[in-house]
Amino acid sequence: MPYVLRGMDGKIQAISQTSLSLDGWEELETGNKEYLEYLDSAIKVEDPFRESDIQLARVLEDLISLLIDRDFIRFTDFPEPAQKRLIERQGLRMKNAKLNLLDDEHHFMRHSA
């Protein structure tokens, strides 16, 4: 579980993965929204290429799909580790798309009631 130190404004100022015996440190759940937002923000500051890398990865996935669809390359042309990674990503995308559809349907059902 992470431990956080808050500033005078109540916002997280520091984090630690180990318990600190100093005053002011509090334990949070790993999935705590405020904690995750702090981590995301800290990572963006430390690694400005992170967001660009994520977007570029999506572009490359789309490019690979396009090249395969147009028969410029075959899926089997890729080394096995790359094939495995592409299959995993495709599975994640499909799972995410299904979740989004369920959310949309649930949202619609709430409004129609």
PDB file of N, CA and C in Angstrom:
ATOM      1  N   MET A   1       0.848  -1.182   0.000  1.00  0.00           N
ATOM      2  CA  MET A   1       0.000   0.000   0.000  1.00  0.00           C
ATOM      3  C   MET A   1       0.893   1.244   0.000  1.00  0.00           C
ATOM      4  N   PRO A   2       0.491   2.239  -0.750  1.00  0.00           N
ATOM      5  CA  PRO A   2       1.282   3.468  -0.781  1.00  0.00           C
ATOM      6  C   PRO A   2       0.998   4.355   0.444  1.00  0.00           C
ATOM      7  N   TYR A   3       1.958   5.168   0.742  1.00  0.00           N
ATOM      8  CA  TYR A   3       1.834   6.151   1.807  1.00  0.00           C
ATOM      9  C   TYR A   3       2.021   7.526   1.181  1.00  0.00           C
ATOM     10  N   VAL A   4       1.241   8.486   1.624  1.00  0.00           N
ATOM     11  CA  VAL A   4       1.312   9.824   1.041  1.00  0.00           C
ATOM     12  C   VAL A   4       1.503  10.864   2.130  1.00  0.00           C
ATOM     13  N   LEU A   5       2.116  11.950   1.731  1.00  0.00           N
ATOM     14  CA  LEU A   5       2.280  13.112   2.601  1.00  0.00           C
ATOM     15  C   LEU A   5       1.547  14.257   1.923  1.00  0.00           C
ATOM     16  N   ARG A   6       0.663  14.885   2.659  1.00  0.00           N
ATOM     17  CA  ARG A   6      -0.134  15.981   2.101  1.00  0.00           C
ATOM     18  C   ARG A   6       0.452  17.322   2.519  1.00  0.00           C
ATOM     19  N   GLY A   7       0.249  18.312   1.661  1.00  0.00           N
ATOM     20  CA  GLY A   7       0.665  19.672   1.957  1.00  0.00           C
ATOM     21  C   GLY A   7      -0.416  20.396   2.755  1.00  0.00           C
ATOM     22  N   MET A   8      -0.186  21.647   3.036  1.00  0.00           N
ATOM     23  CA  MET A   8      -1.135  22.461   3.800  1.00  0.00           C
ATOM     24  C   MET A   8      -2.477  22.569   3.083  1.00  0.00           C
ATOM     25  N   ASP A   9      -2.459  22.472   1.755  1.00  0.00           N
ATOM     26  CA  ASP A   9      -3.695  22.564   0.969  1.00  0.00           C
ATOM     27  C   ASP A   9      -4.452  21.243   0.890  1.00  0.00           C
ATOM     28  N   GLY A  10      -3.910  20.189   1.501  1.00  0.00           N
ATOM     29  CA  GLY A  10      -4.559  18.880   1.497  1.00  0.00           C
ATOM     30  C   GLY A  10      -4.213  18.026   0.292  1.00  0.00           C
ATOM     31  N   LYS A  11      -3.447  18.567  -0.642  1.00  0.00           N
ATOM     32  CA  LYS A  11      -3.066  17.817  -1.836  1.00  0.00           C
ATOM     33  C   LYS A  11      -1.821  16.988  -1.559  1.00  0.00           C
ATOM     34  N   ILE A  12      -1.719  15.870  -2.259  1.00  0.00           N
ATOM     35  CA  ILE A  12      -0.563  14.998  -2.103  1.00  0.00           C
ATOM     36  C   ILE A  12       0.697  15.733  -2.569  1.00  0.00           C
ATOM     37  N   GLN A  13       1.720  15.694  -1.720  1.00  0.00           N
ATOM     38  CA  GLN A  13       2.994  16.341  -2.039  1.00  0.00           C
ATOM     39  C   GLN A  13       4.109  15.325  -2.288  1.00  0.00           C
ATOM     40  N   ALA A  14       3.984  14.147  -1.662  1.00  0.00           N
ATOM     41  CA  ALA A  14       5.015  13.116  -1.793  1.00  0.00           C
ATOM     42  C   ALA A  14       4.372  11.753  -1.577  1.00  0.00           C
ATOM     43  N   ILE A  15       5.022  10.730  -2.135  1.00  0.00           N
ATOM     44  CA  ILE A  15       4.535   9.366  -1.955  1.00  0.00           C
ATOM     45  C   ILE A  15       5.705   8.460  -1.591  1.00  0.00           C
ATOM     46  N   SER A  16       5.370   7.339  -0.934  1.00  0.00           N
ATOM     47  CA  SER A  16       6.371   6.337  -0.582  1.00  0.00           C
ATOM     48  C   SER A  16       5.695   4.974  -0.602  1.00  0.00           C
ATOM     49  N   GLN A  17       6.430   3.964  -0.992  1.00  0.00           N
ATOM     50  CA  GLN A  17       5.884   2.610  -0.985  1.00  0.00           C
ATOM     51  C   GLN A  17       6.161   1.901   0.336  1.00  0.00           C
ATOM     52  N   THR A  18       6.942   2.539   1.200  1.00  0.00           N
ATOM     53  CA  THR A  18       7.232   1.947   2.506  1.00  0.00           C
ATOM     54  C   THR A  18       6.691   2.850   3.601  1.00  0.00           C
ATOM     55  N   SER A  19       6.330   2.229   4.698  1.00  0.00           N
ATOM     56  CA  SER A  19       5.779   2.961   5.835  1.00  0.00           C
ATOM     57  C   SER A  19       6.861   3.856   6.432  1.00  0.00           C
ATOM     58  N   LEU A  20       6.523   5.103   6.633  1.00  0.00           N
ATOM     59  CA  LEU A  20       7.455   6.044   7.246  1.00  0.00           C
ATOM     60  C   LEU A  20       6.901   6.436   8.612  1.00  0.00           C
ATOM     61  N   SER A  21       7.778   6.486   9.593  1.00  0.00           N
ATOM     62  CA  SER A  21       7.316   6.765  10.948  1.00  0.00           C
ATOM     63  C   SER A  21       7.203   8.265  11.222  1.00  0.00           C
ATOM     64  N   LEU A  22       7.371   9.075  10.206  1.00  0.00           N
ATOM     65  CA  LEU A  22       7.272  10.523  10.383  1.00  0.00           C
ATOM     66  C   LEU A  22       5.813  10.946  10.430  1.00  0.00           C
ATOM     67  N   ASP A  23       5.550  12.003  11.155  1.00  0.00           N
ATOM     68  CA  ASP A  23       4.183  12.515  11.243  1.00  0.00           C
ATOM     69  C   ASP A  23       3.695  13.011   9.889  1.00  0.00           C
ATOM     70  N   GLY A  24       2.420  12.850   9.663  1.00  0.00           N
ATOM     71  CA  GLY A  24       1.795  13.385   8.463  1.00  0.00           C
ATOM     72  C   GLY A  24       1.614  12.388   7.335  1.00  0.00           C
ATOM     73  N   TRP A  25       2.287  11.244   7.378  1.00  0.00           N
ATOM     74  CA  TRP A  25       2.152  10.241   6.325  1.00  0.00           C
ATOM     75  C   TRP A  25       0.908   9.411   6.573  1.00  0.00           C
ATOM     76  N   GLU A  26       0.143   9.165   5.522  1.00  0.00           N
ATOM     77  CA  GLU A  26      -1.059   8.342   5.657  1.00  0.00           C
ATOM     78  C   GLU A  26      -1.058   7.256   4.600  1.00  0.00           C
ATOM     79  N   GLU A  27      -1.669   6.142   4.923  1.00  0.00           N
ATOM     80  CA  GLU A  27      -1.753   5.010   4.013  1.00  0.00           C
ATOM     81  C   GLU A  27      -3.002   5.149   3.142  1.00  0.00           C
ATOM     82  N   LEU A  28      -2.839   4.843   1.849  1.00  0.00           N
ATOM     83  CA  LEU A  28      -3.954   4.882   0.906  1.00  0.00           C
ATOM     84  C   LEU A  28      -4.059   3.542   0.189  1.00  0.00           C
ATOM     85  N   GLU A  29      -5.234   3.260  -0.329  1.00  0.00           N
ATOM     86  CA  GLU A  29      -5.416   2.088  -1.182  1.00  0.00           C
ATOM     87  C   GLU A  29      -4.666   2.323  -2.494  1.00  0.00           C
ATOM     88  N   THR A  30      -4.144   1.271  -3.073  1.00  0.00           N
ATOM     89  CA  THR A  30      -3.400   1.380  -4.327  1.00  0.00           C
ATOM     90  C   THR A  30      -4.244   1.981  -5.442  1.00  0.00           C
ATOM     91  N   GLY A  31      -5.535   1.689  -5.469  1.00  0.00           N
ATOM     92  CA  GLY A  31      -6.420   2.194  -6.518  1.00  0.00           C
ATOM     93  C   GLY A  31      -7.043   3.541  -6.212  1.00  0.00           C
ATOM     94  N   ASN A  32      -6.612   4.213  -5.158  1.00  0.00           N
ATOM     95  CA  ASN A  32      -7.166   5.515  -4.785  1.00  0.00           C
ATOM     96  C   ASN A  32      -7.024   6.498  -5.950  1.00  0.00           C
ATOM     97  N   LYS A  33      -8.123   7.138  -6.330  1.00  0.00           N
ATOM     98  CA  LYS A  33      -8.146   8.020  -7.509  1.00  0.00           C
ATOM     99  C   LYS A  33      -7.138   9.167  -7.374  1.00  0.00           C
ATOM    100  N   GLU A  34      -7.097   9.800  -6.226  1.00  0.00           N
ATOM    101  CA  GLU A  34      -6.174  10.925  -6.024  1.00  0.00           C
ATOM    102  C   GLU A  34      -4.717  10.470  -6.144  1.00  0.00           C
ATOM    103  N   TYR A  35      -4.419   9.301  -5.603  1.00  0.00           N
ATOM    104  CA  TYR A  35      -3.072   8.734  -5.683  1.00  0.00           C
ATOM    105  C   TYR A  35      -2.693   8.454  -7.137  1.00  0.00           C
ATOM    106  N   LEU A  36      -3.602   7.825  -7.886  1.00  0.00           N
ATOM    107  CA  LEU A  36      -3.334   7.505  -9.292  1.00  0.00           C
ATOM    108  C   LEU A  36      -3.151   8.765 -10.130  1.00  0.00           C
ATOM    109  N   GLU A  37      -3.938   9.798  -9.855  1.00  0.00           N
ATOM    110  CA  GLU A  37      -3.787  11.070 -10.574  1.00  0.00           C
ATOM    111  C   GLU A  37      -2.435  11.707 -10.269  1.00  0.00           C
ATOM    112  N   TYR A  38      -2.003  11.620  -9.016  1.00  0.00           N
ATOM    113  CA  TYR A  38      -0.695  12.160  -8.640  1.00  0.00           C
ATOM    114  C   TYR A  38       0.411  11.418  -9.391  1.00  0.00           C
ATOM    115  N   LEU A  39       0.324  10.077  -9.427  1.00  0.00           N
ATOM    116  CA  LEU A  39       1.326   9.290 -10.143  1.00  0.00           C
ATOM    117  C   LEU A  39       1.364   9.644 -11.622  1.00  0.00           C
ATOM    118  N   ASP A  40       0.192   9.755 -12.241  1.00  0.00           N
ATOM    119  CA  ASP A  40       0.116  10.093 -13.657  1.00  0.00           C
ATOM    120  C   ASP A  40       0.754  11.444 -13.925  1.00  0.00           C
ATOM    121  N   SER A  41       0.449  12.406 -13.069  1.00  0.00           N
ATOM    122  CA  SER A  41       1.004  13.741 -13.220  1.00  0.00           C
ATOM    123  C   SER A  41       2.526  13.725 -13.047  1.00  0.00           C
ATOM    124  N   ALA A  42       2.995  12.985 -12.056  1.00  0.00           N
ATOM    125  CA  ALA A  42       4.439  12.913 -11.804  1.00  0.00           C
ATOM    126  C   ALA A  42       5.168  12.258 -12.967  1.00  0.00           C
ATOM    127  N   ILE A  43       4.563  11.223 -13.545  1.00  0.00           N
ATOM    128  CA  ILE A  43       5.186  10.534 -14.676  1.00  0.00           C
ATOM    129  C   ILE A  43       5.267  11.468 -15.878  1.00  0.00           C
ATOM    130  N   LYS A  44       4.220  12.259 -16.104  1.00  0.00           N
ATOM    131  CA  LYS A  44       4.233  13.195 -17.235  1.00  0.00           C
ATOM    132  C   LYS A  44       5.344  14.220 -17.092  1.00  0.00           C
ATOM    133  N   VAL A  45       5.595  14.665 -15.870  1.00  0.00           N
ATOM    134  CA  VAL A  45       6.655  15.651 -15.623  1.00  0.00           C
ATOM    135  C   VAL A  45       8.021  15.010 -15.835  1.00  0.00           C
ATOM    136  N   GLU A  46       8.172  13.776 -15.336  1.00  0.00           N
ATOM    137  CA  GLU A  46       9.459  13.081 -15.428  1.00  0.00           C
ATOM    138  C   GLU A  46       9.755  12.587 -16.835  1.00  0.00           C
ATOM    139  N   ASP A  47       8.719  12.230 -17.596  1.00  0.00           N
ATOM    140  CA  ASP A  47       8.915  11.651 -18.923  1.00  0.00           C
ATOM    141  C   ASP A  47       7.977  12.312 -19.931  1.00  0.00           C
ATOM    142  N   PRO A  48       8.416  13.435 -20.495  1.00  0.00           N
ATOM    143  CA  PRO A  48       7.540  14.160 -21.423  1.00  0.00           C
ATOM    144  C   PRO A  48       7.227  13.377 -22.701  1.00  0.00           C
ATOM    145  N   PHE A  49       7.978  12.328 -23.000  1.00  0.00           N
ATOM    146  CA  PHE A  49       7.739  11.534 -24.200  1.00  0.00           C
ATOM    147  C   PHE A  49       6.661  10.481 -23.984  1.00  0.00           C
ATOM    148  N   ARG A  50       6.230  10.276 -22.759  1.00  0.00           N
ATOM    149  CA  ARG A  50       5.287   9.203 -22.434  1.00  0.00           C
ATOM    150  C   ARG A  50       4.011   9.294 -23.274  1.00  0.00           C
ATOM    151  N   GLU A  51       3.352  10.429 -23.259  1.00  0.00           N
ATOM    152  CA  GLU A  51       2.091  10.585 -23.990  1.00  0.00           C
ATOM    153  C   GLU A  51       2.323  10.444 -25.491  1.00  0.00           C
ATOM    154  N   SER A  52       3.409  11.002 -25.976  1.00  0.00           N
ATOM    155  CA  SER A  52       3.740  10.887 -27.393  1.00  0.00           C
ATOM    156  C   SER A  52       3.996   9.427 -27.767  1.00  0.00           C
ATOM    157  N   ASP A  53       4.696   8.692 -26.903  1.00  0.00           N
ATOM    158  CA  ASP A  53       4.968   7.277 -27.160  1.00  0.00           C
ATOM    159  C   ASP A  53       3.672   6.473 -27.230  1.00  0.00           C
ATOM    160  N   ILE A  54       2.738   6.771 -26.332  1.00  0.00           N
ATOM    161  CA  ILE A  54       1.458   6.065 -26.319  1.00  0.00           C
ATOM    162  C   ILE A  54       0.709   6.318 -27.624  1.00  0.00           C
ATOM    163  N   GLN A  55       0.688   7.560 -28.049  1.00  0.00           N
ATOM    164  CA  GLN A  55      -0.020   7.898 -29.292  1.00  0.00           C
ATOM    165  C   GLN A  55       0.672   7.296 -30.508  1.00  0.00           C
ATOM    166  N   LEU A  56       1.992   7.297 -30.494  1.00  0.00           N
ATOM    167  CA  LEU A  56       2.737   6.725 -31.609  1.00  0.00           C
ATOM    168  C   LEU A  56       2.525   5.211 -31.689  1.00  0.00           C
ATOM    169  N   ALA A  57       2.445   4.551 -30.543  1.00  0.00           N
ATOM    170  CA  ALA A  57       2.183   3.111 -30.532  1.00  0.00           C
ATOM    171  C   ALA A  57       0.853   2.810 -31.207  1.00  0.00           C
ATOM    172  N   ARG A  58      -0.141   3.635 -30.941  1.00  0.00           N
ATOM    173  CA  ARG A  58      -1.457   3.434 -31.568  1.00  0.00           C
ATOM    174  C   ARG A  58      -1.358   3.624 -33.083  1.00  0.00           C
ATOM    175  N   VAL A  59      -0.612   4.618 -33.519  1.00  0.00           N
ATOM    176  CA  VAL A  59      -0.429   4.856 -34.953  1.00  0.00           C
ATOM    177  C   VAL A  59       0.249   3.648 -35.598  1.00  0.00           C
ATOM    178  N   LEU A  60       1.272   3.109 -34.942  1.00  0.00           N
ATOM    179  CA  LEU A  60       1.976   1.954 -35.493  1.00  0.00           C
ATOM    180  C   LEU A  60       1.070   0.720 -35.569  1.00  0.00           C
ATOM    181  N   GLU A  61       0.242   0.513 -34.543  1.00  0.00           N
ATOM    182  CA  GLU A  61      -0.714  -0.596 -34.577  1.00  0.00           C
ATOM    183  C   GLU A  61      -1.666  -0.450 -35.762  1.00  0.00           C
ATOM    184  N   ASP A  62      -2.173   0.764 -35.955  1.00  0.00           N
ATOM    185  CA  ASP A  62      -3.088   1.011 -37.071  1.00  0.00           C
ATOM    186  C   ASP A  62      -2.387   0.818 -38.409  1.00  0.00           C
ATOM    187  N   LEU A  63      -1.138   1.253 -38.506  1.00  0.00           N
ATOM    188  CA  LEU A  63      -0.361   1.091 -39.740  1.00  0.00           C
ATOM    189  C   LEU A  63      -0.151  -0.390 -40.046  1.00  0.00           C
ATOM    190  N   ILE A  64       0.200  -1.157 -39.035  1.00  0.00           N
ATOM    191  CA  ILE A  64       0.405  -2.599 -39.230  1.00  0.00           C
ATOM    192  C   ILE A  64      -0.890  -3.256 -39.701  1.00  0.00           C
ATOM    193  N   SER A  65      -1.999  -2.911 -39.074  1.00  0.00           N
ATOM    194  CA  SER A  65      -3.293  -3.469 -39.490  1.00  0.00           C
ATOM    195  C   SER A  65      -3.609  -3.113 -40.934  1.00  0.00           C
ATOM    196  N   LEU A  66      -3.343  -1.872 -41.314  1.00  0.00           N
ATOM    197  CA  LEU A  66      -3.599  -1.424 -42.680  1.00  0.00           C
ATOM    198  C   LEU A  66      -2.726  -2.188 -43.677  1.00  0.00           C
ATOM    199  N   LEU A  67      -1.449  -2.350 -43.363  1.00  0.00           N
ATOM    200  CA  LEU A  67      -0.550  -3.072 -44.262  1.00  0.00           C
ATOM    201  C   LEU A  67      -0.955  -4.543 -44.409  1.00  0.00           C
ATOM    202  N   ILE A  68      -1.416  -5.142 -43.324  1.00  0.00           N
ATOM    203  CA  ILE A  68      -1.883  -6.534 -43.386  1.00  0.00           C
ATOM    204  C   ILE A  68      -3.176  -6.613 -44.194  1.00  0.00           C
ATOM    205  N   ASP A  69      -4.110  -5.700 -43.929  1.00  0.00           N
ATOM    206  CA  ASP A  69      -5.393  -5.701 -44.648  1.00  0.00           C
ATOM    207  C   ASP A  69      -5.206  -5.527 -46.153  1.00  0.00           C
ATOM    208  N   ARG A  70      -4.200  -4.763 -46.543  1.00  0.00           N
ATOM    209  CA  ARG A  70      -3.965  -4.507 -47.971  1.00  0.00           C
ATOM    210  C   ARG A  70      -2.961  -5.484 -48.586  1.00  0.00           C
ATOM    211  N   ASP A  71      -2.621  -6.513 -47.837  1.00  0.00           N
ATOM    212  CA  ASP A  71      -1.715  -7.577 -48.296  1.00  0.00           C
ATOM    213  C   ASP A  71      -0.321  -7.092 -48.680  1.00  0.00           C
ATOM    214  N   PHE A  72       0.165  -6.049 -48.022  1.00  0.00           N
ATOM    215  CA  PHE A  72       1.549  -5.615 -48.234  1.00  0.00           C
ATOM    216  C   PHE A  72       2.497  -6.465 -47.397  1.00  0.00           C
ATOM    217  N   ILE A  73       2.006  -6.909 -46.255  1.00  0.00           N
ATOM    218  CA  ILE A  73       2.761  -7.810 -45.393  1.00  0.00           C
ATOM    219  C   ILE A  73       1.791  -8.851 -44.842  1.00  0.00           C
ATOM    220  N   ARG A  74       2.362  -9.941 -44.363  1.00  0.00           N
ATOM    221  CA  ARG A  74       1.543 -10.969 -43.718  1.00  0.00           C
ATOM    222  C   ARG A  74       1.812 -10.926 -42.219  1.00  0.00           C
ATOM    223  N   PHE A  75       0.808 -11.259 -41.462  1.00  0.00           N
ATOM    224  CA  PHE A  75       0.950 -11.294 -40.009  1.00  0.00           C
ATOM    225  C   PHE A  75       2.096 -12.227 -39.617  1.00  0.00           C
ATOM    226  N   THR A  76       2.240 -13.331 -40.348  1.00  0.00           N
ATOM    227  CA  THR A  76       3.283 -14.312 -40.047  1.00  0.00           C
ATOM    228  C   THR A  76       4.687 -13.830 -40.408  1.00  0.00           C
ATOM    229  N   ASP A  77       4.788 -12.685 -41.099  1.00  0.00           N
ATOM    230  CA  ASP A  77       6.102 -12.103 -41.395  1.00  0.00           C
ATOM    231  C   ASP A  77       6.762 -11.562 -40.128  1.00  0.00           C
ATOM    232  N   PHE A  78       5.950 -11.260 -39.131  1.00  0.00           N
ATOM    233  CA  PHE A  78       6.481 -10.721 -37.879  1.00  0.00           C
ATOM    234  C   PHE A  78       7.047 -11.833 -37.013  1.00  0.00           C
ATOM    235  N   PRO A  79       8.077 -11.550 -36.252  1.00  0.00           N
ATOM    236  CA  PRO A  79       8.597 -12.562 -35.318  1.00  0.00           C
ATOM    237  C   PRO A  79       7.520 -12.938 -34.295  1.00  0.00           C
ATOM    238  N   GLU A  80       7.623 -14.143 -33.736  1.00  0.00           N
ATOM    239  CA  GLU A  80       6.615 -14.623 -32.793  1.00  0.00           C
ATOM    240  C   GLU A  80       6.349 -13.658 -31.635  1.00  0.00           C
ATOM    241  N   PRO A  81       7.382 -13.075 -31.005  1.00  0.00           N
ATOM    242  CA  PRO A  81       7.092 -12.147 -29.911  1.00  0.00           C
ATOM    243  C   PRO A  81       6.257 -10.939 -30.363  1.00  0.00           C
ATOM    244  N   ALA A  82       6.508 -10.458 -31.574  1.00  0.00           N
ATOM    245  CA  ALA A  82       5.730  -9.330 -32.101  1.00  0.00           C
ATOM    246  C   ALA A  82       4.297  -9.773 -32.388  1.00  0.00           C
ATOM    247  N   GLN A  83       4.120 -10.975 -32.927  1.00  0.00           N
ATOM    248  CA  GLN A  83       2.774 -11.494 -33.172  1.00  0.00           C
ATOM    249  C   GLN A  83       2.000 -11.585 -31.864  1.00  0.00           C
ATOM    250  N   LYS A  84       2.654 -12.104 -30.847  1.00  0.00           N
ATOM    251  CA  LYS A  84       2.010 -12.251 -29.539  1.00  0.00           C
ATOM    252  C   LYS A  84       1.580 -10.884 -29.001  1.00  0.00           C
ATOM    253  N   ARG A  85       2.463  -9.918 -29.105  1.00  0.00           N
ATOM    254  CA  ARG A  85       2.166  -8.569 -28.614  1.00  0.00           C
ATOM    255  C   ARG A  85       1.005  -7.945 -29.383  1.00  0.00           C
ATOM    256  N   LEU A  86       0.989  -8.114 -30.698  1.00  0.00           N
ATOM    257  CA  LEU A  86      -0.103  -7.581 -31.521  1.00  0.00           C
ATOM    258  C   LEU A  86      -1.438  -8.234 -31.173  1.00  0.00           C
ATOM    259  N   ILE A  87      -1.416  -9.538 -30.946  1.00  0.00           N
ATOM    260  CA  ILE A  87      -2.650 -10.252 -30.568  1.00  0.00           C
ATOM    261  C   ILE A  87      -3.139  -9.756 -29.209  1.00  0.00           C
ATOM    262  N   GLU A  88      -2.215  -9.578 -28.271  1.00  0.00           N
ATOM    263  CA  GLU A  88      -2.595  -9.075 -26.943  1.00  0.00           C
ATOM    264  C   GLU A  88      -3.234  -7.693 -27.049  1.00  0.00           C
ATOM    265  N   ARG A  89      -2.627  -6.825 -27.825  1.00  0.00           N
ATOM    266  CA  ARG A  89      -3.151  -5.462 -27.980  1.00  0.00           C
ATOM    267  C   ARG A  89      -4.525  -5.474 -28.637  1.00  0.00           C
ATOM    268  N   GLN A  90      -4.681  -6.318 -29.649  1.00  0.00           N
ATOM    269  CA  GLN A  90      -5.970  -6.415 -30.327  1.00  0.00           C
ATOM    270  C   GLN A  90      -7.038  -6.913 -29.347  1.00  0.00           C
ATOM    271  N   GLY A  91      -6.680  -7.881 -28.517  1.00  0.00           N
ATOM    272  CA  GLY A  91      -7.605  -8.384 -27.512  1.00  0.00           C
ATOM    273  C   GLY A  91      -7.998  -7.308 -26.506  1.00  0.00           C
ATOM    274  N   LEU A  92      -7.016  -6.510 -26.080  1.00  0.00           N
ATOM    275  CA  LEU A  92      -7.304  -5.414 -25.150  1.00  0.00           C
ATOM    276  C   LEU A  92      -8.231  -4.387 -25.785  1.00  0.00           C
ATOM    277  N   ARG A  93      -7.978  -4.064 -27.039  1.00  0.00           N
ATOM    278  CA  ARG A  93      -8.843  -3.097 -27.732  1.00  0.00           C
ATOM    279  C   ARG A  93     -10.273  -3.603 -27.834  1.00  0.00           C
ATOM    280  N   MET A  94     -10.423  -4.888 -28.187  1.00  0.00           N
ATOM    281  CA  MET A  94     -11.761  -5.460 -28.322  1.00  0.00           C
ATOM    282  C   MET A  94     -12.474  -5.476 -26.971  1.00  0.00           C
ATOM    283  N   LYS A  95     -11.751  -5.845 -25.931  1.00  0.00           N
ATOM    284  CA  LYS A  95     -12.333  -5.866 -24.588  1.00  0.00           C
ATOM    285  C   LYS A  95     -12.757  -4.466 -24.173  1.00  0.00           C
ATOM    286  N   ASN A  96     -11.913  -3.492 -24.448  1.00  0.00           N
ATOM    287  CA  ASN A  96     -12.221  -2.098 -24.110  1.00  0.00           C
ATOM    288  C   ASN A  96     -13.426  -1.597 -24.896  1.00  0.00           C
ATOM    289  N   ALA A  97     -13.508  -1.967 -26.166  1.00  0.00           N
ATOM    290  CA  ALA A  97     -14.640  -1.548 -26.992  1.00  0.00           C
ATOM    291  C   ALA A  97     -15.941  -2.135 -26.445  1.00  0.00           C
ATOM    292  N   LYS A  98     -15.907  -3.392 -26.010  1.00  0.00           N
ATOM    293  CA  LYS A  98     -17.094  -4.024 -25.439  1.00  0.00           C
ATOM    294  C   LYS A  98     -17.510  -3.320 -24.152  1.00  0.00           C
ATOM    295  N   LEU A  99     -16.519  -2.966 -23.324  1.00  0.00           N
ATOM    296  CA  LEU A  99     -16.835  -2.264 -22.085  1.00  0.00           C
ATOM    297  C   LEU A  99     -17.465  -0.915 -22.368  1.00  0.00           C
ATOM    298  N   ASN A 100     -16.957  -0.220 -23.372  1.00  0.00           N
ATOM    299  CA  ASN A 100     -17.521   1.082 -23.740  1.00  0.00           C
ATOM    300  C   ASN A 100     -18.954   0.932 -24.238  1.00  0.00           C
ATOM    301  N   LEU A 101     -19.216  -0.129 -24.999  1.00  0.00           N
ATOM    302  CA  LEU A 101     -20.571  -0.369 -25.479  1.00  0.00           C
ATOM    303  C   LEU A 101     -21.505  -0.656 -24.313  1.00  0.00           C
ATOM    304  N   LEU A 102     -21.029  -1.422 -23.345  1.00  0.00           N
ATOM    305  CA  LEU A 102     -21.855  -1.712 -22.171  1.00  0.00           C
ATOM    306  C   LEU A 102     -22.133  -0.439 -21.391  1.00  0.00           C
ATOM    307  N   ASP A 103     -21.135   0.416 -21.251  1.00  0.00           N
ATOM    308  CA  ASP A 103     -21.333   1.685 -20.558  1.00  0.00           C
ATOM    309  C   ASP A 103     -22.350   2.542 -21.289  1.00  0.00           C
ATOM    310  N   ASP A 104     -22.244   2.594 -22.623  1.00  0.00           N
ATOM    311  CA  ASP A 104     -23.187   3.380 -23.408  1.00  0.00           C
ATOM    312  C   ASP A 104     -24.604   2.839 -23.249  1.00  0.00           C
ATOM    313  N   GLU A 105     -24.717   1.512 -23.279  1.00  0.00           N
ATOM    314  CA  GLU A 105     -26.031   0.893 -23.149  1.00  0.00           C
ATOM    315  C   GLU A 105     -26.606   1.173 -21.765  1.00  0.00           C
ATOM    316  N   HIS A 106     -25.772   1.050 -20.753  1.00  0.00           N
ATOM    317  CA  HIS A 106     -26.231   1.299 -19.389  1.00  0.00           C
ATOM    318  C   HIS A 106     -26.643   2.754 -19.234  1.00  0.00           C
ATOM    319  N   HIS A 107     -25.858   3.628 -19.837  1.00  0.00           N
ATOM    320  CA  HIS A 107     -26.169   5.069 -19.788  1.00  0.00           C
ATOM    321  C   HIS A 107     -27.513   5.332 -20.479  1.00  0.00           C
ATOM    322  N   PHE A 108     -27.725   4.685 -21.607  1.00  0.00           N
ATOM    323  CA  PHE A 108     -28.973   4.860 -22.349  1.00  0.00           C
ATOM    324  C   PHE A 108     -30.152   4.343 -21.528  1.00  0.00           C
ATOM    325  N   MET A 109     -29.960   3.200 -20.896  1.00  0.00           N
ATOM    326  CA  MET A 109     -31.048   2.607 -20.114  1.00  0.00           C
ATOM    327  C   MET A 109     -31.443   3.521 -18.959  1.00  0.00           C
ATOM    328  N   ARG A 110     -30.487   4.198 -18.368  1.00  0.00           N
ATOM    329  CA  ARG A 110     -30.800   5.101 -17.265  1.00  0.00           C
ATOM    330  C   ARG A 110     -31.662   6.266 -17.738  1.00  0.00           C
ATOM    331  N   HIS A 111     -31.353   6.773 -18.917  1.00  0.00           N
ATOM    332  CA  HIS A 111     -32.080   7.920 -19.445  1.00  0.00           C
ATOM    333  C   HIS A 111     -33.478   7.541 -19.935  1.00  0.00           C
ATOM    334  N   SER A 112     -33.642   6.314 -20.390  1.00  0.00           N
ATOM    335  CA  SER A 112     -34.922   5.919 -20.944  1.00  0.00           C
ATOM    336  C   SER A 112     -35.914   5.474 -19.879  1.00  0.00           C
ATOM    337  N   ALA A 113     -35.458   5.270 -18.664  1.00  0.00           N
ATOM    338  CA  ALA A 113     -36.342   4.796 -17.597  1.00  0.00           C
ATOM    339  C   ALA A 113     -37.267   5.899 -17.098  1.00  0.00           C
TER     340      ALA A 113
END
